[in-house]
C-alpha cells in the first residue's frame, strides 16, 4: 500500500496598495457664488497634508486663518467682504509623496442694499432703571425677515433679569426693535447687547452692514411718583423720598392739555429750553431746568408763571410745572431712563404720544410683539410715531449728549 505524501506550502502575500493621492475638499465648493461672508470657509485634505495654504482677496491680502495640528484642515477665522472673489493657493503632499497645487475660487454675495442698525444709547453709558434698549434700522424689514434678525440679537445681564424684544411700528427711517425688562432693572445691573448683523439676510436682496455691540450700566434706582390729583410730585431715590414738591399738572380743559397717565421715561434734559406750542398760542418761551419725559412735549420744568397754582390747581398745557428752585434740584438728579409714574388723569400714555411708551404696554402684550413667538400682537397703527408728526417744534441746548434731540409740543 502506498502512503499519501504531504508537504507545507507558503501562500503568496497580496501586493501592497499604492500610497493614496491626496483628496482636497473646499468649503464652499470651487467656483461657488453668492456665498454669505460669515459662512464657514475652509479647506481639508484626506490622504495628505498641507505644505502651505492661504486664501486671498481681490487685492491680494491674505485672509486670517489657522491650520489644525496635523495640517489636514485649514479654517478661515475672519469674516469676508461682500461682492468679492477669493482664491485659494498653496500645496498639499499626498501619502504618495507627490505635491499638488491648490487652485479654487469662490465669490461672496453682492447685496442690493446694506442695512445698518444703531443703538440709541452710547457704549458705557449709565442709565436709569426703566431705560429700554432701542435698535433703529435704516430700512424697513418684513415680518418674515424680522424673525431672522431677532434671532441674531442677544442680551445678557448681571444679575440675570427677564426681558424681551418687541418690534414697534416702523418709523420713516425704517424698522425698530426695543428690548425691555419685565420689571425695572435692579440698581447696578450690567447689560451687554450683541447684534451680529453682518451677513444676516434682511430680505429683498438686503443684508446687514455691520455687527454692533453695546455695554451699559444701570445706575441708582430713582422713580418719580406723579399723582395729578395731589398736585405734588415725589422723587424716590433708592427707596427713600429724596424730594416732595408741590407742582401743577395739565389743565385738562382740552385733551391736548391732559398730562398722560402711565409710566413715562426720562430721555433728555436741558438747563435752558425754548418752547413753542402754536395750538396754545405761544412761541419760543424760555423755560429753565426742563426734563423731557415723552415725545409728545411733556416735560418736568420750572415755570414761575404757574407758581400760584403749584400744589393746589392743575393749569398747564400738559407739562409738570415746578418752582425754579425745586426744578433745579430735581434736574440735577434726573438721568436718561428714569421712570416717571403719572397717575390721576383721564388719558393714558400710548403710541400716539411717541417714544418712549414701552411701559404703557402690558408684559403679555409686549412679549406678543416679538417676531419669534406665535402670539397675536396688539393692534397698533402702522403709523405710530416715535415723534408725533404734527407736534409743534421746540428748541433748546441739551445738557446731555444722548439721545439726539427730539421734537414735540411744549407746556
Protein backbone atom coordinates (compact mmCIF):
# COMPACT_ATOMS: atom_id res chain seq x y z
CA UNK A 1 0.00 0.00 0.00
CA UNK A 2 1.27 3.35 -0.90
CA UNK A 3 1.06 6.13 1.67
CA UNK A 4 -0.07 9.63 0.60
CA UNK A 5 2.65 12.19 0.73
CA UNK A 6 2.10 15.66 2.14
CA UNK A 7 4.05 18.88 2.39
CA UNK A 8 3.77 22.53 3.51
CA UNK A 9 3.29 25.39 1.01
CA UNK A 10 3.68 29.14 1.68
CA UNK A 11 0.75 31.28 0.37
CA UNK A 12 1.62 34.29 -1.72
CA UNK A 13 1.12 37.66 0.07
CA UNK A 14 -1.18 40.24 -1.51
CA UNK A 15 0.64 43.13 -3.14
CA UNK A 16 0.80 46.29 -1.01
CA UNK A 17 -1.63 49.06 -2.05
CA UNK A 18 -0.05 52.03 -3.68
CA UNK A 19 0.07 55.13 -1.43
CA UNK A 20 -3.05 57.23 -1.94
CA UNK A 21 -3.07 60.55 -3.72
CA UNK A 22 -4.46 63.48 -1.69
CA UNK A 23 -8.13 64.44 -1.90
CA UNK A 24 -8.89 68.12 -1.31
CA UNK A 25 -12.35 69.37 -0.25
CA UNK A 26 -13.22 73.07 -0.36
CA UNK A 27 -15.91 74.79 1.69
CA UNK A 28 -17.66 76.41 -0.08
CA UNK A 29 -17.10 74.37 -3.19
CA UNK A 30 -14.88 75.53 -6.01
CA UNK A 31 -16.49 78.28 -8.13
CA UNK A 32 -19.35 78.76 -5.64
CA UNK A 33 -21.18 82.09 -5.86
CA UNK A 34 -23.43 84.16 -3.57
CA UNK A 35 -21.55 82.89 -0.51
CA UNK A 36 -22.59 84.56 2.76
CA UNK A 37 -19.45 86.34 4.06
CA UNK A 38 -19.92 84.98 7.59
CA UNK A 39 -20.37 81.37 6.43
CA UNK A 40 -17.85 78.71 7.44
CA UNK A 41 -14.92 78.79 4.99
CA UNK A 42 -12.06 76.32 4.87
CA UNK A 43 -10.28 73.53 3.07
CA UNK A 44 -9.47 69.94 4.10
CA UNK A 45 -7.20 67.25 2.72
CA UNK A 46 -7.53 63.48 3.06
CA UNK A 47 -4.56 61.16 2.48
CA UNK A 48 -2.13 64.01 2.68
CA UNK A 49 -1.17 67.23 4.44
CA UNK A 50 -0.81 70.91 3.64
CA UNK A 51 2.61 72.29 2.87
CA UNK A 52 1.25 75.81 2.52
CA UNK A 53 -2.27 77.21 2.30
CA UNK A 54 -3.81 80.67 2.11
CA UNK A 55 -6.92 82.50 0.95
CA UNK A 56 -6.53 85.92 -0.66
CA UNK A 57 -8.97 88.69 -1.52
CA UNK A 58 -9.01 90.59 -4.85
CA UNK A 59 -6.31 92.97 -3.56
CA UNK A 60 -4.00 90.08 -2.75
CA UNK A 61 -4.43 90.43 1.01
CA UNK A 62 -4.24 87.13 2.88
CA UNK A 63 -7.35 86.36 4.92
CA UNK A 64 -6.69 85.28 8.51
CA UNK A 65 -6.93 81.55 9.13
CA UNK A 66 -5.49 78.63 11.09
CA UNK A 67 -4.22 75.09 10.42
CA UNK A 68 -5.04 72.19 12.71
CA UNK A 69 -2.24 70.33 14.45
CA UNK A 70 -1.79 67.60 11.83
CA UNK A 71 -2.00 70.08 8.93
CA UNK A 72 -5.05 68.44 7.35
CA UNK A 73 -7.59 71.24 7.79
CA UNK A 74 -7.42 75.00 7.38
CA UNK A 75 -10.18 77.29 8.69
CA UNK A 76 -10.72 80.96 7.87
CA UNK A 77 -11.04 82.96 11.10
CA UNK A 78 -12.33 86.35 9.95
CA UNK A 79 -15.46 87.47 8.08
CA UNK A 80 -15.14 88.05 4.37
CA UNK A 81 -16.26 91.06 2.37
CA UNK A 82 -19.35 91.44 0.25
CA UNK A 83 -19.16 91.04 -3.54
CA UNK A 84 -15.57 89.74 -3.63
CA UNK A 85 -13.85 86.85 -5.36
CA UNK A 86 -11.49 84.87 -3.11
CA UNK A 87 -8.77 82.49 -4.30
CA UNK A 88 -7.12 79.53 -2.61
CA UNK A 89 -3.39 78.98 -3.07
CA UNK A 90 -0.78 76.66 -1.62
CA UNK A 91 0.09 72.99 -1.97
CA UNK A 92 -0.62 69.59 -0.45
CA UNK A 93 1.54 66.47 -0.31
CA UNK A 94 -0.17 63.11 -0.55
CA UNK A 95 0.80 59.83 1.04
CA UNK A 96 2.19 59.02 -2.37
CA UNK A 97 4.79 61.73 -1.84
CA UNK A 98 3.52 63.83 -4.69
CA UNK A 99 2.67 67.51 -4.34
CA UNK A 100 -0.44 69.17 -5.78
CA UNK A 101 -1.29 72.83 -6.06
CA UNK A 102 -4.44 74.33 -4.53
CA UNK A 103 -6.47 76.01 -7.25
CA UNK A 104 -10.01 77.12 -6.43
CA UNK A 105 -12.02 80.29 -6.08
CA UNK A 106 -15.46 81.44 -4.93
CA UNK A 107 -17.45 84.68 -4.79
CA UNK A 108 -19.39 86.22 -1.91
CA UNK A 109 -22.84 87.69 -2.31
CA UNK A 110 -23.18 91.28 -3.51
CA UNK A 111 -26.17 92.77 -1.64
CA UNK A 112 -28.54 95.13 -3.37
CA UNK A 113 -28.59 97.10 -0.11
CA UNK A 114 -26.76 97.00 3.20
CA UNK A 115 -28.89 97.73 6.27
CA UNK A 116 -27.42 99.49 9.30
CA UNK A 117 -28.67 99.20 12.88
CA UNK A 118 -27.85 101.81 15.54
CA UNK A 119 -28.41 101.73 19.30
CA UNK A 120 -29.87 104.86 20.91
CA UNK A 121 -27.52 104.54 23.88
CA UNK A 122 -23.79 105.14 23.98
CA UNK A 123 -21.38 102.39 24.93
CA UNK A 124 -20.52 102.68 28.61
CA UNK A 125 -23.49 104.92 29.39
CA UNK A 126 -25.07 104.80 32.85
CA UNK A 127 -28.89 104.90 32.62
CA UNK A 128 -31.99 104.69 34.78
CA UNK A 129 -33.85 101.55 35.77
CA UNK A 130 -36.56 101.88 33.08
CA UNK A 131 -34.30 102.52 30.07
CA UNK A 132 -35.22 100.33 27.10
CA UNK A 133 -32.62 99.28 24.55
CA UNK A 134 -33.60 100.60 21.13
CA UNK A 135 -32.08 99.33 17.90
CA UNK A 136 -33.09 101.54 14.96
CA UNK A 137 -32.61 100.30 11.39
CA UNK A 138 -32.26 102.48 8.31
CA UNK A 139 -34.63 100.36 6.22
CA UNK A 140 -37.93 98.56 6.64
CA UNK A 141 -37.77 94.86 7.44
CA UNK A 142 -40.53 92.41 6.52
CA UNK A 143 -42.26 90.42 9.25
CA UNK A 144 -40.69 87.20 7.97
CA UNK A 145 -37.17 88.64 8.00
CA UNK A 146 -37.65 90.18 11.45
CA UNK A 147 -37.59 86.62 12.79
CA UNK A 148 -34.09 86.06 11.40
CA UNK A 149 -32.87 89.43 12.64
CA UNK A 150 -34.29 88.99 16.14
CA UNK A 151 -32.76 85.54 16.50
CA UNK A 152 -29.34 87.13 15.96
CA UNK A 153 -29.81 89.57 18.86
CA UNK A 154 -28.63 88.66 22.35
CA UNK A 155 -28.90 90.47 25.68
CA UNK A 156 -27.06 89.33 28.80
CA UNK A 157 -27.37 90.95 32.21
CA UNK A 158 -25.60 90.63 35.55
CA UNK A 159 -27.57 89.85 37.63
CA UNK A 160 -29.96 87.99 35.29
CA UNK A 161 -33.27 89.75 34.60
CA UNK A 162 -36.28 88.84 32.50
CA UNK A 163 -36.69 90.85 29.31
CA UNK A 164 -37.91 90.58 25.72
CA UNK A 165 -37.59 92.18 22.30
CA UNK A 166 -40.62 93.86 20.73
CA UNK A 167 -41.00 95.33 17.25
CA UNK A 168 -42.68 98.71 17.28
CA UNK A 169 -44.30 100.20 14.17
CA UNK A 170 -41.80 101.42 11.60
CA UNK A 171 -40.63 105.00 11.57
CA UNK A 172 -39.95 106.87 8.35
CA UNK A 173 -36.29 105.91 8.77
CA UNK A 174 -37.03 102.19 8.98
CA UNK A 175 -37.88 99.37 11.36
CA UNK A 176 -37.08 99.46 15.07
CA UNK A 177 -36.92 96.89 17.83
CA UNK A 178 -36.90 97.60 21.58
CA UNK A 179 -35.74 95.38 24.46
CA UNK A 180 -37.47 95.97 27.77
CA UNK A 181 -37.30 94.25 31.12
CA UNK A 182 -40.44 92.84 32.73
CA UNK A 183 -39.82 94.88 35.87
CA UNK A 184 -37.41 97.75 36.42
CA UNK A 185 -33.75 96.76 36.45
CA UNK A 186 -32.08 96.27 39.83
CA UNK A 187 -29.70 99.16 40.52
CA UNK A 188 -26.17 98.43 39.35
CA UNK A 189 -27.13 95.85 36.71
CA UNK A 190 -24.58 95.44 33.93
CA UNK A 191 -26.10 94.94 30.46
CA UNK A 192 -24.37 93.66 27.32
CA UNK A 193 -26.05 93.53 23.93
CA UNK A 194 -24.74 91.69 20.88
CA UNK A 195 -26.16 92.40 17.43
CA UNK A 196 -24.08 90.32 14.98
CA UNK A 197 -25.98 91.53 11.92
CA UNK A 198 -23.21 91.47 9.31
CA UNK A 199 -24.16 88.81 6.78
CA UNK A 200 -27.71 88.45 8.12
CA UNK A 201 -30.37 88.42 5.40
CA UNK A 202 -32.83 91.31 5.71
CA UNK A 203 -34.92 90.37 2.67
CA UNK A 204 -35.33 91.83 -0.83
CA UNK A 205 -31.64 91.46 -1.55
CA UNK A 206 -30.58 93.36 1.59
CA UNK A 207 -28.06 92.17 4.18
CA UNK A 208 -26.72 93.52 7.45
CA UNK A 209 -23.95 96.09 7.03
CA UNK A 210 -22.07 95.59 10.31
CA UNK A 211 -22.07 93.96 13.73
CA UNK A 212 -22.90 96.12 16.74
CA UNK A 213 -22.38 95.71 20.46
CA UNK A 214 -23.50 97.77 23.43
CA UNK A 215 -22.45 97.71 27.08
CA UNK A 216 -24.32 99.87 29.60
CA UNK A 217 -24.75 100.02 33.34
CA UNK A 218 -27.89 100.70 35.35
CA UNK A 219 -27.38 103.48 37.88
CA UNK A 220 -29.16 104.13 41.15
CA UNK A 221 -32.88 103.37 41.39
CA UNK A 222 -34.77 106.64 41.07
CA UNK A 223 -38.52 106.66 40.44
CA UNK A 224 -40.72 109.75 40.18
CA UNK A 225 -44.25 109.38 41.58
CA UNK A 226 -46.52 111.98 39.99
CA UNK A 227 -50.14 111.99 41.22
CA UNK A 228 -52.09 114.70 39.41
CA UNK A 229 -54.88 114.66 42.00
CA UNK A 230 -52.45 115.54 44.79
CA UNK A 231 -50.79 118.43 42.91
CA UNK A 232 -47.46 117.10 44.18
CA UNK A 233 -44.52 115.12 42.85
CA UNK A 234 -42.27 112.76 44.80
CA UNK A 235 -38.77 111.67 43.80
CA UNK A 236 -37.95 108.28 45.32
CA UNK A 237 -34.23 107.51 45.32
CA UNK A 238 -33.06 104.03 46.39
CA UNK A 239 -36.25 103.52 48.37
CA UNK A 240 -36.29 106.84 50.23
CA UNK A 241 -38.10 110.10 49.48
CA UNK A 242 -35.48 112.45 48.07
CA UNK A 243 -37.90 115.29 47.19
CA UNK A 244 -41.60 116.00 47.73
CA UNK A 245 -42.52 119.10 45.73
CA UNK A 246 -45.74 120.99 45.05
CA UNK A 247 -46.47 121.15 41.33
CA UNK A 248 -49.11 121.76 38.69
CA UNK A 249 -50.19 119.26 36.01
CA UNK A 250 -52.15 119.62 32.77
CA UNK A 251 -55.30 121.74 33.00
CA UNK A 252 -57.30 119.02 31.19
CA UNK A 253 -59.74 121.52 29.66
CA UNK A 254 -58.80 120.00 26.29
CA UNK A 255 -57.39 116.53 25.52
CA UNK A 256 -54.11 118.08 24.37
CA UNK A 257 -53.69 119.65 27.80
CA UNK A 258 -54.02 116.39 29.74
CA UNK A 259 -50.82 115.07 31.32
CA UNK A 260 -50.80 111.43 30.24
CA UNK A 261 -51.13 108.77 32.94
CA UNK A 262 -48.71 105.87 32.78
CA UNK A 263 -45.01 105.21 33.10
CA UNK A 264 -43.01 107.81 31.21
CA UNK A 265 -39.23 107.62 30.72
CA UNK A 266 -36.74 110.47 31.03
CA UNK A 267 -34.98 110.86 27.68
CA UNK A 268 -33.09 114.15 27.87
CA UNK A 269 -32.71 117.34 29.88
CA UNK A 270 -31.95 121.00 29.20
CA UNK A 271 -30.81 123.73 31.54
CA UNK A 272 -32.43 126.22 29.15
CA UNK A 273 -35.19 125.42 26.70
CA UNK A 274 -37.34 127.43 24.30
CA UNK A 275 -40.84 126.01 23.96
CA UNK A 276 -43.33 126.65 21.17
CA UNK A 277 -46.92 125.45 21.01
CA UNK A 278 -48.94 127.15 18.25
CA UNK A 279 -52.12 125.39 19.36
CA UNK A 280 -51.76 127.01 22.79
CA UNK A 281 -50.76 130.35 21.31
CA UNK A 282 -47.15 130.72 22.40
CA UNK A 283 -43.77 130.57 20.69
CA UNK A 284 -40.14 130.45 21.87
CA UNK A 285 -40.94 130.77 25.55
CA UNK A 286 -37.78 130.44 27.64
CA UNK A 287 -38.06 127.79 30.37
CA UNK A 288 -35.45 126.57 32.85
CA UNK A 289 -34.46 123.10 34.09
CA UNK A 290 -36.51 121.12 31.55
CA UNK A 291 -36.52 117.31 31.78
CA UNK A 292 -38.26 115.57 28.87
CA UNK A 293 -40.45 112.61 29.85
CA UNK A 294 -42.10 111.84 26.49
CA UNK A 295 -42.03 112.87 22.85
CA UNK A 296 -45.49 114.44 22.99
CA UNK A 297 -44.00 117.54 24.59
CA UNK A 298 -44.31 116.60 28.26
CA UNK A 299 -41.55 117.99 30.46
CA UNK A 300 -40.94 118.46 34.15
CA UNK A 301 -39.68 122.05 34.23
CA UNK A 302 -39.59 125.32 36.11
CA UNK A 303 -42.43 127.75 35.42
CA UNK A 304 -42.65 130.77 37.73
CA UNK A 305 -45.82 131.85 35.90
CA UNK A 306 -47.75 128.95 37.47
CA UNK A 307 -46.26 129.29 40.96
CA UNK A 308 -49.59 130.31 42.49
CA UNK A 309 -51.21 127.10 41.25
CA UNK A 310 -48.40 124.73 42.22
CA UNK A 311 -49.62 122.47 44.99
CA UNK A 312 -53.32 123.30 44.58
CA UNK A 313 -54.51 123.57 40.95
CA UNK A 314 -53.65 121.99 37.59
CA UNK A 315 -53.26 124.74 34.99
CA UNK A 316 -50.55 123.69 32.49
CA UNK A 317 -50.67 122.62 28.85
CA UNK A 318 -49.61 119.10 29.88
CA UNK A 319 -46.19 119.59 31.44
CA UNK A 320 -45.44 119.23 35.15
CA UNK A 321 -44.53 122.68 36.48
CA UNK A 322 -42.29 123.26 39.49
CA UNK A 323 -40.79 126.30 41.13
CA UNK A 324 -37.40 127.32 39.78
CA UNK A 325 -35.56 126.10 42.87
CA UNK A 326 -37.38 122.78 43.03
CA UNK A 327 -36.96 122.19 39.30
CA UNK A 328 -33.23 122.79 39.53
CA UNK A 329 -32.86 120.35 42.41
CA UNK A 330 -34.72 117.64 40.52
CA UNK A 331 -32.91 118.41 37.26
CA UNK A 332 -29.50 117.59 38.72
CA UNK A 333 -30.69 114.14 39.86
CA UNK A 334 -32.52 113.14 36.66
CA UNK A 335 -30.98 110.55 34.37
CA UNK A 336 -31.88 109.06 30.99
CA UNK A 337 -34.07 106.02 31.64
CA UNK A 338 -35.58 107.13 34.95
CA UNK A 339 -39.28 106.17 35.19
CA UNK A 340 -41.87 108.87 35.87
CA UNK A 341 -45.11 107.23 37.01
CA UNK A 342 -48.02 109.59 36.34
CA UNK A 343 -51.45 108.78 37.82
CA UNK A 344 -54.78 110.51 38.27
CA UNK A 345 -55.51 111.84 34.78
CA UNK A 346 -58.10 110.95 32.15
CA UNK A 347 -55.88 109.89 29.23
CA UNK A 348 -53.33 107.07 29.20
CA UNK A 349 -49.89 107.32 27.64
CA UNK A 350 -49.90 105.42 24.31
CA UNK A 351 -48.31 105.05 20.88
CA UNK A 352 -49.98 108.36 19.91
CA UNK A 353 -47.56 110.15 22.25
CA UNK A 354 -44.40 108.90 20.54
CA UNK A 355 -41.36 107.38 22.21
CA UNK A 356 -40.92 106.17 24.84
CA UNK A 357 -44.25 104.49 25.62
CA UNK A 358 -42.83 100.99 26.15
CA UNK A 359 -44.01 100.80 29.77
CA UNK A 360 -47.59 101.64 28.78
CA UNK A 361 -47.81 98.15 27.26
CA UNK A 362 -48.64 95.17 29.47
CA UNK A 363 -45.99 92.47 29.71
CA UNK A 364 -48.15 89.91 27.88
CA UNK A 365 -48.72 92.35 25.03
CA UNK A 366 -45.03 93.25 24.97
CA UNK A 367 -43.98 89.61 24.61
CA UNK A 368 -46.53 89.16 21.81
CA UNK A 369 -44.72 91.88 19.84
CA UNK A 370 -41.65 89.66 19.45
CA UNK A 371 -41.24 88.37 15.90
CA UNK A 372 -40.37 84.85 17.03
CA UNK A 373 -43.38 83.93 19.13
CA UNK A 374 -46.77 82.70 17.99
CA UNK A 375 -48.93 85.19 19.85
CA UNK A 376 -51.04 87.82 18.13
CA UNK A 377 -49.60 91.29 18.79
CA UNK A 378 -51.81 94.20 19.83
CA UNK A 379 -53.40 96.36 17.14
CA UNK A 380 -51.05 99.32 16.86
CA UNK A 381 -51.41 101.63 13.83
CA UNK A 382 -48.52 101.20 11.43
CA UNK A 383 -48.10 104.96 11.51
CA UNK A 384 -47.46 105.06 15.26
CA UNK A 385 -44.60 107.56 15.51
CA UNK A 386 -41.51 107.83 17.63
CA UNK A 387 -42.14 111.57 17.44
CA UNK A 388 -45.68 112.76 16.59
CA UNK A 389 -45.55 114.14 13.05
CA UNK A 390 -47.91 117.00 13.86
CA UNK A 391 -46.05 118.04 17.01
CA UNK A 392 -45.21 121.75 17.37
CA UNK A 393 -41.50 122.45 17.36
CA UNK A 394 -39.24 123.01 20.35
CA UNK A 395 -35.70 124.27 20.53
CA UNK A 396 -33.02 124.23 23.17
CA UNK A 397 -29.43 123.42 24.05
CA UNK A 398 -29.19 119.97 25.62
CA UNK A 399 -27.04 119.36 28.66
CA UNK A 400 -26.80 115.68 27.75
CA UNK A 401 -25.38 114.17 24.59
CA UNK A 402 -27.65 111.15 24.30
CA UNK A 403 -30.14 110.53 22.85
CA UNK A 404 -30.38 113.02 19.93
CA UNK A 405 -32.80 115.94 20.49
CA UNK A 406 -36.39 115.23 19.50
CA UNK A 407 -39.40 117.48 18.92
CA UNK A 408 -42.82 117.90 20.49
CA UNK A 409 -45.27 120.45 21.88
CA UNK A 410 -44.46 122.43 24.99
CA UNK A 411 -46.49 123.36 28.05
